[in-house]
Amino acid sequence: MPKLSDVIAALEVLWPPEWAEQLDAVGLVCGDPDAEVGQVLFAVDPVQEVADEAIRLGAGLLVTHHPLWLRGTTTVAATGFKGRVVHSLIKNDVALHVAHTNADRADPGVSDALAAAVGLRVTGPLVPDPSDPAGRRGAGRLGELPEPMTLAEFADRAARGLPATATGLRVAGDPRRQVRTVAVCGGSGDSFFDDVRRAGADVYLTADLRHHPASEAQQAGPPALVDAAHWATEWPWCAQAARRLDEVAERNGWSLRTHVSHTVTDPWTAHARAATPPHVPHVPHEPTTSGAPR
C-alpha cells in the first residue's frame, strides 16, 4: 500500500494548491504522512456523517471538496462539531485532504463533471484561467446539448442527471424557450452572470442563486437560469476524482481502492410544495384615512 505522503503528492499533481483562490484552505488537514493508505473515500462535505462513513469503511484517507475550516481556527477542541470531526478522524487513523477551488479550476474539474452529468459537450471554460496557455482551465464550463430542446426539457434532463435533493431545481425563464448552449458552474455561481451573458449561453445551470441577482439577470435578458442544490452540482466531481486517482494508482502499482460517498449532505431536508398556480395570500387589513393617526 502507498504511504499517505505518496497519495497526497499525487493529489497535488491532479489539483495543485497554487490553483486555489488566495483565501481558500486546501491541502492536508490532518494525517500522518508515513501512514499506509489502502482505501480512499471522496465526498463533498467534511461533516460528521461523512467522517463516520470513512471510519466504517476503514479508509485511511478522506478527500472532500469543501474545506473543514475556510477562515482558520484557534482550536480543534471536541467542544464544537468541527473539532469533533477532527478528533474522530485522528482517533481512527483517517487523514483528511481538501481539494476546493483548485479542483474547480482544474481540467477536468468540478464543472466538467457537472456538464457530463447533464449531457453536455464541453467547449471550454466559462472564465479562462490566464495562467493556462492552453486555455482549458478556469471557472465554470461552456457546453452544448446534443440537440435543441425547450428550457423545461433541459431542466428535466438536469434533474435526472443530478442526485435528488429536497429542494429540487428552480427555473427562471420561459419553459417553452428553445435552448442549445449551456453554461454551468458547480457550487455558487451568481458572480459569473456577466461572463455567461458575454458567452452567449442560452441557459445557465448553477447553485445558490439569490433573489436580487437572479431577478436582475432575468430583467437584463438571456440566459435562462436553472438553480440546483449546491451539494448536487458538486457531487458528480467525487466520481471523476476517484477515477483519476484510480488511474494514478494503476500506473504506480498501488494496492489502493477508491470509494464515493453517497451520503446526502445537502442541508435542506424537506420541501413544502407551494400552491399551484402561484398566488399571493389575502391578508386582511383595516382601511385607514389618509393622514389620520392610528
Protein backbone atom coordinates (compact mmCIF):
# COMPACT_ATOMS: atom_id res chain seq x y z
CA MET A 1 0.00 0.00 0.00
CA PRO A 2 1.19 3.55 -0.64
CA LYS A 3 2.02 5.95 2.14
CA LEU A 4 -0.23 8.91 2.77
CA SER A 5 2.56 11.21 1.59
CA ASP A 6 2.62 9.40 -1.78
CA VAL A 7 -1.13 9.75 -2.24
CA ILE A 8 -1.11 13.41 -1.21
CA ALA A 9 1.70 14.09 -3.70
CA ALA A 10 -0.46 12.51 -6.42
CA LEU A 11 -3.49 14.57 -5.42
CA GLU A 12 -1.45 17.76 -5.55
CA VAL A 13 -0.40 16.93 -9.11
CA LEU A 14 -4.06 16.47 -10.07
CA TRP A 15 -5.15 19.62 -8.20
CA PRO A 16 -2.10 21.81 -7.43
CA PRO A 17 -2.61 24.01 -4.35
CA GLU A 18 -1.40 27.04 -6.30
CA TRP A 19 -4.54 26.85 -8.45
CA ALA A 20 -6.69 27.62 -5.42
CA GLU A 21 -8.04 31.09 -4.75
CA GLN A 22 -5.93 33.18 -2.42
CA LEU A 23 -8.20 32.90 0.63
CA ASP A 24 -9.06 29.24 0.12
CA ALA A 25 -7.97 26.46 2.50
CA VAL A 26 -6.85 23.37 0.61
CA GLY A 27 -4.45 20.51 1.24
CA LEU A 28 -3.86 18.11 4.12
CA VAL A 29 -5.86 18.95 7.24
CA CYS A 30 -4.84 16.01 9.43
CA GLY A 31 -2.99 12.73 8.99
CA ASP A 32 0.40 11.04 9.41
CA PRO A 33 2.39 11.27 6.16
CA ASP A 34 4.09 7.92 6.97
CA ALA A 35 0.82 6.02 7.49
CA GLU A 36 -0.20 3.50 4.86
CA VAL A 37 -3.39 4.10 2.89
CA GLY A 38 -5.39 1.25 1.43
CA GLN A 39 -8.76 2.94 0.86
CA VAL A 40 -9.80 6.49 0.00
CA LEU A 41 -13.28 8.00 0.32
CA PHE A 42 -14.32 11.02 -1.77
CA ALA A 43 -17.14 13.30 -0.59
CA VAL A 44 -18.32 16.90 -0.86
CA ASP A 45 -18.58 17.89 2.81
CA PRO A 46 -16.33 17.05 5.80
CA VAL A 47 -19.26 16.64 8.18
CA GLN A 48 -19.62 14.08 10.96
CA GLU A 49 -21.80 11.72 8.92
CA VAL A 50 -19.12 11.52 6.24
CA ALA A 51 -16.33 11.10 8.80
CA ASP A 52 -18.30 8.22 10.34
CA GLU A 53 -18.71 6.68 6.88
CA ALA A 54 -14.96 6.84 6.29
CA ILE A 55 -14.36 5.19 9.66
CA ARG A 56 -16.84 2.37 8.95
CA LEU A 57 -15.21 1.84 5.57
CA GLY A 58 -11.77 1.56 7.11
CA ALA A 59 -10.47 4.35 4.86
CA GLY A 60 -7.06 5.77 5.52
CA LEU A 61 -7.90 8.99 3.72
CA LEU A 62 -11.00 11.14 3.29
CA VAL A 63 -10.86 13.62 0.40
CA THR A 64 -13.51 16.34 0.43
CA HIS A 65 -14.27 19.22 -1.88
CA HIS A 66 -15.29 21.66 0.84
CA PRO A 67 -12.79 22.79 3.47
CA LEU A 68 -13.39 21.99 7.11
CA TRP A 69 -12.09 25.41 8.13
CA LEU A 70 -12.16 28.07 5.45
CA ARG A 71 -11.14 31.01 7.60
CA GLY A 72 -8.82 29.33 10.06
CA THR A 73 -9.30 28.47 13.71
CA THR A 74 -7.54 28.71 17.04
CA THR A 75 -8.83 25.41 18.43
CA VAL A 76 -9.64 21.86 17.41
CA ALA A 77 -11.31 21.07 20.73
CA ALA A 78 -14.10 18.50 20.53
CA THR A 79 -16.46 21.01 22.11
CA GLY A 80 -17.52 22.08 18.60
CA PHE A 81 -18.74 19.95 15.68
CA LYS A 82 -15.68 20.68 13.53
CA GLY A 83 -13.36 19.75 16.38
CA ARG A 84 -15.31 16.52 16.87
CA VAL A 85 -14.80 15.66 13.20
CA VAL A 86 -11.04 16.10 13.58
CA HIS A 87 -10.96 14.05 16.80
CA SER A 88 -12.99 11.26 15.17
CA LEU A 89 -10.68 11.11 12.16
CA ILE A 90 -7.43 11.20 14.13
CA LYS A 91 -8.60 8.58 16.66
CA ASN A 92 -9.40 6.23 13.80
CA ASP A 93 -6.30 6.94 11.69
CA VAL A 94 -8.21 8.67 8.89
CA ALA A 95 -6.46 11.56 7.16
CA LEU A 96 -8.39 14.49 5.65
CA HIS A 97 -7.38 16.28 2.45
CA VAL A 98 -9.26 19.14 0.74
CA ALA A 99 -9.35 19.99 -2.98
CA HIS A 100 -11.63 23.03 -3.36
CA THR A 101 -11.16 25.90 -5.82
CA ASN A 102 -8.05 24.17 -7.18
CA ALA A 103 -10.40 21.34 -8.25
CA ASP A 104 -12.90 23.90 -9.58
CA ARG A 105 -10.28 25.34 -11.94
CA ALA A 106 -8.72 22.04 -12.99
CA ASP A 107 -9.06 20.35 -16.39
CA PRO A 108 -11.06 18.25 -15.89
CA GLY A 109 -12.62 19.81 -12.84
CA VAL A 110 -15.83 20.17 -10.87
CA SER A 111 -17.77 21.90 -13.64
CA ASP A 112 -16.66 19.30 -16.22
CA ALA A 113 -18.22 16.63 -14.03
CA LEU A 114 -21.39 18.71 -13.75
CA ALA A 115 -21.52 19.20 -17.52
CA ALA A 116 -21.11 15.46 -18.09
CA ALA A 117 -23.88 14.68 -15.60
CA VAL A 118 -26.38 16.71 -17.62
CA GLY A 119 -25.16 15.50 -21.01
CA LEU A 120 -23.19 18.46 -22.35
CA ARG A 121 -20.29 18.50 -24.77
CA VAL A 122 -17.83 20.89 -23.14
CA THR A 123 -16.41 23.54 -25.46
CA GLY A 124 -14.24 25.42 -22.96
CA PRO A 125 -14.06 27.23 -19.63
CA LEU A 126 -16.57 29.94 -18.79
CA VAL A 127 -13.84 32.12 -17.25
CA PRO A 128 -10.43 31.00 -18.57
CA ASP A 129 -7.51 30.89 -16.16
CA PRO A 130 -4.96 33.41 -17.54
CA SER A 131 -2.11 31.24 -16.23
CA ASP A 132 -3.10 28.38 -18.57
CA PRO A 133 -1.66 28.96 -22.07
CA ALA A 134 -3.82 26.13 -23.45
CA GLY A 135 -6.98 27.93 -22.33
CA ARG A 136 -8.54 24.79 -20.85
CA ARG A 137 -8.52 25.54 -17.13
CA GLY A 138 -10.74 28.04 -15.41
CA ALA A 139 -14.01 28.62 -13.58
CA GLY A 140 -17.22 27.10 -14.92
CA ARG A 141 -17.70 25.48 -18.31
CA LEU A 142 -19.46 26.22 -21.58
CA GLY A 143 -21.10 23.38 -23.45
CA GLU A 144 -23.67 22.29 -25.99
CA LEU A 145 -26.62 19.96 -25.82
CA PRO A 146 -26.81 17.15 -28.43
CA GLU A 147 -29.84 18.90 -29.93
CA PRO A 148 -32.00 21.93 -29.19
CA MET A 149 -34.73 21.45 -26.59
CA THR A 150 -37.06 23.55 -24.52
CA LEU A 151 -35.93 25.03 -21.23
CA ALA A 152 -38.42 22.74 -19.46
CA GLU A 153 -36.92 19.70 -21.19
CA PHE A 154 -33.42 20.78 -20.21
CA ALA A 155 -34.48 21.27 -16.60
CA ASP A 156 -35.94 17.74 -16.60
CA ARG A 157 -32.70 16.44 -18.12
CA ALA A 158 -30.66 18.17 -15.40
CA ALA A 159 -32.95 16.82 -12.68
CA ARG A 160 -32.43 13.27 -13.97
CA GLY A 161 -28.65 13.70 -14.22
CA LEU A 162 -28.08 15.16 -10.76
CA PRO A 163 -28.67 13.50 -7.39
CA ALA A 164 -32.08 14.19 -5.90
CA THR A 165 -32.36 16.76 -3.12
CA ALA A 166 -35.28 18.12 -1.12
CA THR A 167 -35.35 21.43 -2.99
CA GLY A 168 -35.01 20.01 -6.50
CA LEU A 169 -34.30 22.51 -9.28
CA ARG A 170 -35.70 26.02 -9.79
CA VAL A 171 -36.10 27.52 -13.26
CA ALA A 172 -36.22 31.18 -14.33
CA GLY A 173 -37.35 31.82 -17.90
CA ASP A 174 -39.97 30.78 -20.42
CA PRO A 175 -40.26 26.96 -20.12
CA ARG A 176 -41.09 26.79 -23.86
CA ARG A 177 -37.97 28.65 -24.95
CA GLN A 178 -35.54 26.67 -27.12
CA VAL A 179 -32.03 26.23 -25.66
CA ARG A 180 -28.85 24.65 -27.02
CA THR A 181 -25.79 26.35 -25.49
CA VAL A 182 -25.37 25.93 -21.76
CA ALA A 183 -23.05 27.45 -19.16
CA VAL A 184 -22.52 25.54 -15.93
CA CYS A 185 -20.75 26.26 -12.66
CA GLY A 186 -20.60 23.80 -9.79
CA GLY A 187 -21.42 25.50 -6.50
CA SER A 188 -22.30 29.18 -6.07
CA GLY A 189 -22.21 30.84 -9.48
CA ASP A 190 -24.11 34.13 -9.38
CA SER A 191 -20.87 36.12 -9.67
CA PHE A 192 -20.50 34.92 -13.27
CA PHE A 193 -23.72 36.33 -14.79
CA ASP A 194 -21.82 38.85 -16.93
CA ASP A 195 -19.46 36.13 -18.19
CA VAL A 196 -22.39 33.88 -19.10
CA ARG A 197 -24.08 36.70 -20.99
CA ARG A 198 -20.88 37.58 -22.86
CA ALA A 199 -20.50 33.92 -23.83
CA GLY A 200 -23.99 33.96 -25.36
CA ALA A 201 -25.28 30.93 -23.44
CA ASP A 202 -28.98 30.16 -23.71
CA VAL A 203 -29.22 28.83 -20.16
CA TYR A 204 -27.05 28.86 -17.03
CA LEU A 205 -27.03 25.95 -14.58
CA THR A 206 -25.51 26.64 -11.18
CA ALA A 207 -26.45 26.79 -7.47
CA ASP A 208 -27.26 29.17 -4.61
CA LEU A 209 -28.95 31.81 -6.77
CA ARG A 210 -30.26 34.70 -4.66
CA HIS A 211 -33.38 36.75 -5.36
CA HIS A 212 -31.85 40.07 -6.37
CA PRO A 213 -29.04 38.78 -8.65
CA ALA A 214 -31.44 36.31 -10.30
CA SER A 215 -34.17 38.95 -10.73
CA GLU A 216 -31.74 41.46 -12.21
CA ALA A 217 -30.27 38.82 -14.53
CA GLN A 218 -33.73 37.96 -15.83
CA GLN A 219 -34.62 41.62 -16.34
CA ALA A 220 -31.42 42.08 -18.34
CA GLY A 221 -32.45 39.32 -20.75
CA PRO A 222 -30.97 35.90 -21.62
CA PRO A 223 -29.78 33.49 -20.34
CA ALA A 224 -32.49 31.48 -18.63
CA LEU A 225 -31.47 30.16 -15.19
CA VAL A 226 -31.58 26.71 -13.64
CA ASP A 227 -30.75 26.71 -9.93
CA ALA A 228 -29.84 23.38 -8.32
CA ALA A 229 -28.70 22.47 -4.81
CA HIS A 230 -25.07 23.37 -4.12
CA TRP A 231 -24.21 19.83 -2.99
CA ALA A 232 -25.88 18.28 -6.04
CA THR A 233 -23.86 20.35 -8.52
CA GLU A 234 -20.56 19.34 -6.93
CA TRP A 235 -21.22 15.70 -6.05
CA PRO A 236 -20.51 14.42 -9.62
CA TRP A 237 -16.90 15.53 -9.14
CA CYS A 238 -16.40 12.83 -6.50
CA ALA A 239 -16.68 10.03 -9.06
CA GLN A 240 -14.47 11.92 -11.51
CA ALA A 241 -11.85 12.46 -8.78
CA ALA A 242 -11.96 8.80 -7.72
CA ARG A 243 -11.38 7.68 -11.33
CA ARG A 244 -8.40 10.00 -11.68
CA LEU A 245 -6.80 8.65 -8.51
CA ASP A 246 -7.52 5.10 -9.72
CA GLU A 247 -5.50 5.86 -12.86
CA VAL A 248 -2.58 7.11 -10.76
CA ALA A 249 -2.74 4.02 -8.53
CA GLU A 250 -2.73 1.72 -11.56
CA ARG A 251 0.30 3.46 -13.09
CA ASN A 252 2.18 3.18 -9.81
CA GLY A 253 1.10 -0.37 -8.99
CA TRP A 254 -0.51 0.73 -5.72
CA SER A 255 -2.88 -1.50 -3.83
CA LEU A 256 -5.46 1.23 -3.36
CA ARG A 257 -9.27 1.28 -3.55
CA THR A 258 -11.34 4.41 -4.02
CA HIS A 259 -14.95 4.96 -2.95
CA VAL A 260 -17.55 7.70 -3.47
CA SER A 261 -19.77 8.73 -0.60
CA HIS A 262 -23.48 8.60 -1.37
CA THR A 263 -24.36 10.29 1.91
CA VAL A 264 -26.57 13.28 1.08
CA THR A 265 -25.07 16.23 2.93
CA ASP A 266 -27.28 18.90 1.38
CA PRO A 267 -28.52 20.84 4.45
CA TRP A 268 -32.13 21.10 3.20
CA THR A 269 -34.09 18.02 4.24
CA ALA A 270 -37.70 18.71 3.23
CA HIS A 271 -39.72 20.68 0.69
CA ALA A 272 -43.21 22.05 1.27
CA ARG A 273 -44.77 22.47 -2.16
CA ALA A 274 -46.29 25.88 -2.84
CA ALA A 275 -49.82 26.30 -4.19
CA THR A 276 -50.29 25.90 -7.95
CA PRO A 277 -50.69 28.29 -9.67
CA PRO A 278 -48.64 30.71 -7.55
CA HIS A 279 -50.78 33.19 -5.68
CA VAL A 280 -50.42 35.96 -3.14
CA PRO A 281 -52.30 35.08 0.06
CA HIS A 282 -55.01 37.52 1.04
CA VAL A 283 -54.02 39.45 4.16
CA PRO A 284 -56.98 41.27 5.76
CA HIS A 285 -56.29 44.86 6.77
CA GLU A 286 -58.24 47.78 8.10
CA PRO A 287 -58.65 50.76 5.78
CA THR A 288 -57.13 53.95 7.07
CA THR A 289 -57.96 57.59 6.46
CA SER A 290 -55.14 59.48 4.81
CA GLY A 291 -53.19 61.41 7.38
CA ALA A 292 -55.15 60.03 10.32
CA PRO A 293 -53.11 58.71 13.23
CA ARG A 294 -53.56 55.07 14.22
